[in-house]
Protein backbone atom coordinates (compact mmCIF):
# COMPACT_ATOMS: atom_id res chain seq x y z
CA MET A 1 -2.97 -18.95 21.21
CA THR A 2 -0.57 -17.87 18.44
CA ARG A 3 -3.28 -16.33 16.29
CA ASP A 4 -4.84 -14.67 19.33
CA LEU A 5 -1.58 -12.94 20.26
CA LEU A 6 -0.85 -11.82 16.70
CA GLN A 7 -4.38 -10.47 16.30
CA GLU A 8 -4.24 -8.78 19.70
CA ARG A 9 -1.00 -7.01 18.77
CA LYS A 10 -2.32 -6.03 15.35
CA THR A 11 -5.49 -4.56 16.87
CA PHE A 12 -3.57 -2.66 19.54
CA ALA A 13 -1.03 -1.24 17.05
CA SER A 14 -3.73 -0.28 14.54
CA GLU A 15 -5.81 1.55 17.15
CA ARG A 16 -2.78 3.45 18.45
CA LEU A 17 -1.76 4.39 14.92
CA ASP A 18 -5.27 5.62 14.13
CA GLU A 19 -5.16 7.89 17.17
CA LEU A 20 -1.66 9.05 16.25
CA ARG A 21 -2.83 9.92 12.72
CA ARG A 22 -5.72 11.97 14.07
CA ARG A 23 -3.47 13.91 16.42
CA ILE A 24 -0.78 14.55 13.82
CA ALA A 25 -3.42 15.78 11.38
CA SER A 26 -4.28 18.52 13.88
CA ILE A 27 -0.73 19.97 13.90
CA LYS A 28 -1.31 23.30 12.17
CA HIS A 29 2.31 23.66 11.06
CA LEU A 30 1.84 20.61 8.80
CA SER A 31 -1.30 21.83 7.06
CA GLN A 32 0.56 23.14 4.02
CA GLN A 33 3.05 20.28 3.74
CA GLN A 34 1.44 18.25 0.95
CA ASN A 35 4.76 16.77 -0.15
CA LEU A 36 5.75 15.40 3.24
CA SER A 37 5.18 11.87 4.48
CA ILE A 38 5.70 10.74 8.08
CA TYR A 39 5.80 7.00 8.61
CA VAL A 40 6.36 4.68 11.55
CA THR A 41 8.74 1.73 11.53
CA GLY A 42 9.66 -0.89 14.15
CA SER A 43 6.97 -2.85 15.98
CA TYR A 44 4.28 -0.34 15.00
CA GLY A 45 5.26 -0.63 11.36
CA ARG A 46 5.03 -4.42 11.69
CA LEU A 47 1.67 -4.11 13.53
CA GLU A 48 2.93 -6.07 16.53
CA ALA A 49 3.41 -3.30 19.08
CA HIS A 50 2.66 -3.46 22.80
CA GLN A 51 2.13 -0.78 25.46
CA ARG A 52 5.86 -0.07 25.95
CA SER A 53 6.87 -0.14 22.26
CA ASP A 54 8.95 2.75 20.98
CA LEU A 55 7.58 5.19 18.43
CA ASP A 56 10.04 5.25 15.52
CA LEU A 57 9.27 8.04 13.04
CA PHE A 58 10.80 8.83 9.65
CA PHE A 59 10.17 11.90 7.51
CA VAL A 60 10.52 11.98 3.71
CA SER A 61 9.67 14.85 1.38
CA ASP A 62 9.24 14.57 -2.39
CA SER A 63 9.55 18.33 -2.80
CA SER A 64 12.77 19.88 -4.06
CA GLN A 65 12.27 22.80 -1.63
CA GLY A 66 11.76 20.78 1.54
CA ILE A 67 10.46 22.41 4.73
CA ASP A 68 11.72 25.59 6.32
CA ARG A 69 13.62 25.27 9.59
CA THR A 70 11.07 27.09 11.76
CA THR A 71 8.19 24.89 10.59
CA LYS A 72 10.26 21.78 11.28
CA ILE A 73 11.19 22.92 14.81
CA LEU A 74 7.58 23.73 15.66
CA THR A 75 6.41 20.42 14.18
CA ASP A 76 8.98 18.47 16.17
CA ALA A 77 7.87 20.19 19.35
CA GLU A 78 4.24 19.22 18.67
CA LEU A 79 5.20 15.64 17.85
CA ILE A 80 7.20 15.30 21.06
CA ARG A 81 4.31 16.76 23.06
CA LEU A 82 1.64 14.49 21.58
CA ALA A 83 3.90 11.42 21.91
CA GLN A 84 4.25 12.21 25.61
CA GLU A 85 0.50 12.71 25.96
CA MET A 86 -0.15 9.33 24.32
CA GLY A 87 2.29 7.62 26.67
CA PHE A 88 4.95 6.62 24.15
CA PRO A 89 8.50 6.17 25.47
CA PRO A 90 10.79 9.18 24.80
CA PHE A 91 12.26 9.39 21.30
CA SER A 92 15.67 7.73 21.14
CA ASN A 93 18.91 9.73 21.41
CA ASP A 94 17.05 12.85 22.57
CA ALA A 95 14.98 12.96 19.33
CA GLN A 96 18.07 13.36 17.12
CA TYR A 97 16.56 11.19 14.37
CA LEU A 98 13.59 13.47 13.70
CA GLU A 99 15.17 14.65 10.46
CA ILE A 100 13.65 15.03 7.01
CA HIS A 101 15.04 12.95 4.16
CA SER A 102 14.68 14.07 0.56
CA LEU A 103 13.25 11.59 -1.93
CA LEU A 104 15.46 13.12 -4.61
CA GLU A 105 18.56 12.40 -2.51
CA MET A 106 17.33 8.90 -1.66
CA LEU A 107 17.14 8.15 -5.37
CA GLU A 108 20.32 9.95 -6.42
CA LYS A 109 22.46 8.43 -3.67
CA LEU A 110 21.06 4.91 -4.02
CA GLY A 111 24.03 2.53 -3.86
CA SER A 112 26.60 5.27 -3.16
CA ALA A 113 28.82 5.74 -0.11
CA GLU A 114 26.53 8.56 1.04
CA ASP A 115 23.59 6.15 0.95
CA ASP A 116 24.83 4.60 4.20
CA PHE A 117 26.54 7.62 5.71
CA ARG A 118 23.50 9.89 5.55
CA ASN A 119 21.04 7.25 6.82
CA LEU A 120 19.25 7.22 3.45
CA PHE A 121 19.75 3.47 3.07
CA THR A 122 18.08 2.73 6.41
CA ALA A 123 15.19 5.12 5.71
CA ARG A 124 14.62 3.52 2.31
CA MET A 125 14.85 -0.08 3.52
CA LEU A 126 12.58 0.46 6.52
CA LEU A 127 10.10 2.24 4.25
CA LEU A 128 9.97 -0.88 2.08
CA LEU A 129 10.19 -3.53 4.79
CA GLU A 130 8.23 -2.28 7.83
CA SER A 131 6.45 1.05 7.49
CA ARG A 132 2.99 2.56 7.98
CA PRO A 133 2.12 6.17 7.09
CA VAL A 134 0.81 8.39 9.89
CA TYR A 135 0.79 11.63 7.89
CA GLY A 136 0.66 12.40 4.17
CA ASP A 137 -0.78 9.16 2.82
CA GLU A 138 -0.71 10.38 -0.78
CA ALA A 139 2.88 11.56 -0.47
CA TYR A 140 3.76 8.23 1.16
CA LYS A 141 2.36 6.27 -1.79
CA ARG A 142 4.12 8.53 -4.31
CA ILE A 143 7.43 8.17 -2.47
CA LEU A 144 7.10 4.41 -2.07
CA THR A 145 6.15 4.02 -5.74
CA ARG A 146 9.13 6.12 -6.91
CA ILE A 147 11.55 4.09 -4.82
CA ILE A 148 10.13 0.79 -6.07
CA ASP A 149 10.34 2.07 -9.66
CA ALA A 150 14.05 2.79 -9.13
CA TYR A 151 14.58 -0.92 -8.48
CA PHE A 152 12.56 -1.79 -11.59
CA ARG A 153 14.29 0.50 -14.07
CA ASP A 154 14.72 -2.38 -16.56
CA TYR A 155 11.28 -3.89 -15.97
CA HIS A 156 9.59 -2.70 -19.17
CA ASP A 157 12.09 -4.59 -21.32
CA HIS A 158 11.46 -7.86 -19.42
CA THR A 159 7.84 -7.74 -18.23
CA GLY A 160 7.31 -11.48 -18.62
CA ASP A 161 10.35 -12.72 -16.74
CA PHE A 162 11.68 -9.85 -14.63
CA ARG A 163 13.62 -10.87 -11.51
CA PRO A 164 14.10 -7.91 -9.10
CA LEU A 165 17.76 -8.69 -8.39
CA PHE A 166 18.60 -5.07 -7.59
CA LEU A 167 15.98 -5.08 -4.83
CA VAL A 168 16.96 -8.55 -3.58
CA ASN A 169 20.61 -7.47 -3.36
CA ASP A 170 19.72 -4.32 -1.42
CA VAL A 171 17.57 -6.23 1.08
CA LEU A 172 20.38 -8.76 1.59
CA ARG A 173 22.82 -5.86 1.98
CA PHE A 174 20.56 -4.36 4.63
CA TRP A 175 20.47 -7.65 6.54
CA LYS A 176 24.26 -7.90 6.48
CA THR A 177 24.57 -4.25 7.50
CA LEU A 178 22.33 -4.89 10.51
CA CYS A 179 24.57 -7.79 11.52
CA LEU A 180 27.72 -5.68 11.11
CA ASN A 181 26.23 -2.79 13.06
CA TYR A 182 25.46 -5.13 15.93
CA GLU A 183 29.03 -6.43 15.99
CA ASN A 184 30.40 -2.89 15.86
CA LYS A 185 28.48 -1.88 18.98
CA ARG A 186 29.95 -4.84 20.82
CA ASN A 187 33.45 -3.41 20.33
CA ARG A 188 32.84 -0.78 23.01
CA PRO A 189 33.57 -1.36 26.72
CA GLU A 190 30.42 -2.46 28.50
CA ASP A 191 29.18 -3.17 31.99
CA ARG A 192 26.56 -5.76 32.92
CA ALA A 193 23.66 -3.44 32.07
CA GLN A 194 25.12 -2.80 28.62
CA LYS A 195 25.65 -6.50 28.05
CA ASN A 196 22.00 -7.15 28.80
CA LYS A 197 21.00 -4.49 26.25
CA HIS A 198 23.26 -6.14 23.69
CA HIS A 199 21.69 -9.52 24.43
CA LEU A 200 18.27 -8.00 23.75
CA ARG A 201 19.50 -6.33 20.53
CA ASN A 202 20.91 -9.66 19.41
CA LEU A 203 17.60 -11.38 20.09
CA LYS A 204 15.74 -8.74 18.08
CA LEU A 205 18.28 -9.15 15.29
CA LYS A 206 17.66 -12.91 15.18
CA PHE A 207 13.88 -12.54 15.20
CA SER A 208 12.28 -9.28 14.00
CA ARG A 209 15.19 -7.96 11.92
CA LEU A 210 15.74 -11.32 10.27
CA LEU A 211 12.01 -11.58 9.61
CA ILE A 212 11.53 -8.22 7.89
CA CYS A 213 14.34 -9.00 5.45
CA PHE A 214 13.58 -12.60 4.58
CA SER A 215 9.81 -12.25 4.63
CA THR A 216 10.47 -10.07 1.59
CA ILE A 217 13.13 -12.30 0.02
CA ILE A 218 10.99 -15.47 0.23
CA PRO A 219 8.07 -14.15 -1.90
CA LEU A 220 10.52 -12.68 -4.40
CA VAL A 221 12.39 -15.95 -4.98
CA SER A 222 9.19 -18.04 -4.97
CA SER A 223 7.85 -16.15 -7.98
CA ARG A 224 9.25 -16.47 -11.49
CA THR A 225 8.56 -12.80 -12.16
CA SER A 226 7.65 -9.65 -10.20
CA SER A 227 6.18 -6.27 -11.07
CA PRO A 228 6.30 -2.91 -9.27
CA ASP A 229 2.66 -3.42 -8.25
CA ASP A 230 3.60 -6.76 -6.64
CA ILE A 231 6.22 -5.05 -4.48
CA LEU A 232 3.82 -2.25 -3.56
CA LEU A 233 1.30 -4.81 -2.29
CA LEU A 234 4.03 -6.81 -0.55
CA SER A 235 5.29 -3.75 1.33
CA GLN A 236 1.81 -3.06 2.70
CA ARG A 237 1.56 -6.49 4.35
CA ALA A 238 2.96 -7.34 7.77
CA PRO A 239 6.06 -9.59 7.57
CA LEU A 240 4.35 -12.83 8.61
CA GLU A 241 1.53 -12.11 6.16
CA ARG A 242 4.07 -11.83 3.32
CA ILE A 243 5.32 -15.33 4.03
CA ALA A 244 1.77 -16.66 4.39
CA GLU A 245 1.01 -15.46 0.86
CA ALA A 246 3.96 -17.51 -0.45
CA ILE A 247 2.88 -20.80 1.19
CA ARG A 248 2.19 -23.40 -1.52
CA ASN A 249 1.76 -26.77 0.22
CA GLU A 250 1.02 -28.51 3.52
CA GLU A 251 4.69 -29.05 4.33
CA GLN A 252 5.40 -25.33 4.05
CA GLN A 253 2.27 -24.60 6.09
CA ALA A 254 3.51 -26.79 8.94
CA VAL A 255 6.87 -25.00 8.96
CA TYR A 256 5.10 -21.63 8.83
CA ASN A 257 2.92 -22.57 11.82
CA ASP A 258 6.06 -23.42 13.83
CA LEU A 259 7.62 -20.14 12.70
CA CYS A 260 4.63 -18.18 14.00
CA LYS A 261 4.76 -19.95 17.38
CA LEU A 262 8.45 -19.15 17.77
CA TYR A 263 7.85 -15.54 16.79
CA CYS A 264 5.07 -15.20 19.35
CA TYR A 265 7.48 -16.54 21.97
CA PHE A 266 9.83 -13.70 21.00
CA LEU A 267 7.02 -11.11 21.13
CA GLU A 268 6.14 -12.17 24.66
CA ILE A 269 9.76 -11.89 25.79
CA ALA A 270 10.34 -8.52 24.13
CA SER A 271 7.22 -7.03 25.75
CA ARG A 272 8.17 -7.98 29.31
CA ALA A 273 8.53 -4.97 31.61
CA ASP A 274 11.54 -6.70 33.16
CA VAL A 275 13.05 -7.94 29.89
CA LEU A 276 16.61 -6.73 30.66
CA GLY A 277 16.58 -8.45 34.04
CA TRP A 278 14.99 -11.56 32.53
CA ILE A 279 17.59 -11.85 29.78
CA SER A 280 20.43 -11.45 32.29
CA VAL A 281 19.58 -14.92 33.66
CA THR A 282 21.74 -17.50 31.90
CA GLU A 283 19.02 -20.15 31.60
CA ASN A 284 16.50 -17.66 30.19
CA ARG A 285 19.03 -16.40 27.71
CA ARG A 286 19.97 -19.93 26.65
CA ASN A 287 16.31 -20.78 26.01
CA ALA A 288 15.69 -17.54 24.12
CA PHE A 289 18.65 -17.92 21.80
CA GLY A 290 17.85 -21.60 21.32
CA ALA A 291 14.43 -20.51 20.08
CA ALA A 292 16.09 -17.88 17.89
CA ASP A 293 18.30 -20.52 16.25
CA ASN A 294 15.22 -22.66 15.66
CA PHE A 295 13.41 -19.65 14.18
CA GLY A 296 16.30 -19.05 11.78
CA GLU A 297 16.26 -22.73 10.74
CA LYS A 298 12.51 -22.61 10.04
CA LEU A 299 12.91 -19.43 8.00
CA PHE A 300 15.76 -20.99 6.03
CA THR A 301 13.67 -24.12 5.42
CA LEU A 302 10.91 -21.95 3.94
CA LEU A 303 13.44 -20.08 1.84
CA LYS A 304 14.91 -23.30 0.42
CA SER A 305 11.49 -24.77 -0.34
CA SER A 306 10.43 -21.52 -2.03
CA ILE A 307 13.21 -21.73 -4.62
CA GLY A 308 11.50 -23.05 -7.73
CA GLN A 309 14.55 -24.30 -9.59
CA PRO A 310 18.05 -25.13 -8.27
CA ASN A 311 19.63 -22.39 -10.37
CA ASP A 312 17.45 -19.78 -8.65
CA LEU A 313 19.68 -20.09 -5.58
CA ARG A 314 22.40 -18.46 -7.65
CA PHE A 315 20.51 -15.15 -7.58
CA LEU A 316 20.86 -15.02 -3.78
CA ILE A 317 24.56 -15.80 -3.78
CA ILE A 318 26.22 -14.57 -6.98
């Protein structure tokens, strides 16, 4: 049942993305934009989407000149039109996030205050942790490779024993930022409908957000060394597939199987048409968050068992 659901979601997401790629390729205003990559994140990036899943798009250009304003406006209009035709939900916040990020800025601002403020950090992390290109595949690979190389700037002096601590720290920072952002949104006055939305956000935080971060951390700590090519391959796998590649024994396999079952339970809840009404019921909510706690425990168990030597834990803490 678990494998069937995961395969069903992967097939559905892949087919939708293939159609989306074909339609985007026909947008004439993009025909000259060889330095632009458009990629999806969220459930489509993780290849676990369902019929009501949002379409989350990011734009990154590795050109110093970028795209002129008129071309961008016309492109946005075409993207909004084809998303409507394909039956995707409306873009969030009235499509305000359809902005183009510059690769140069993403690299220059890495680790700075502007990294967070200008949404560069989120664009970079989601590119690494849960993305699929839907336009500009070559540009996407160039951009992803350049960003990975930025985390491996000292690699060539330590090719035999390089530990990507810079990358590990940034992924952990992203996880903690997601947790803080969730708490910040809870500071605002809310009615019952808003509380239900926050419950759902919290559930997603404890399942899919937790997974994209630690499905990357686990392979990194389980290996004594990593290369840029290793990270490039890792980023192209779905989160559960990343963990599967790091399984080394039967005990880990049993924990991983339980992890997949719990995640499928979450996928079924999140895809319900009446999910906000469902999660408003105390008993449903108690069961869902009980499963989320169990999911976190299983993920932590895999993390602990993936640490080769006791001192390796130090790299996650200090």
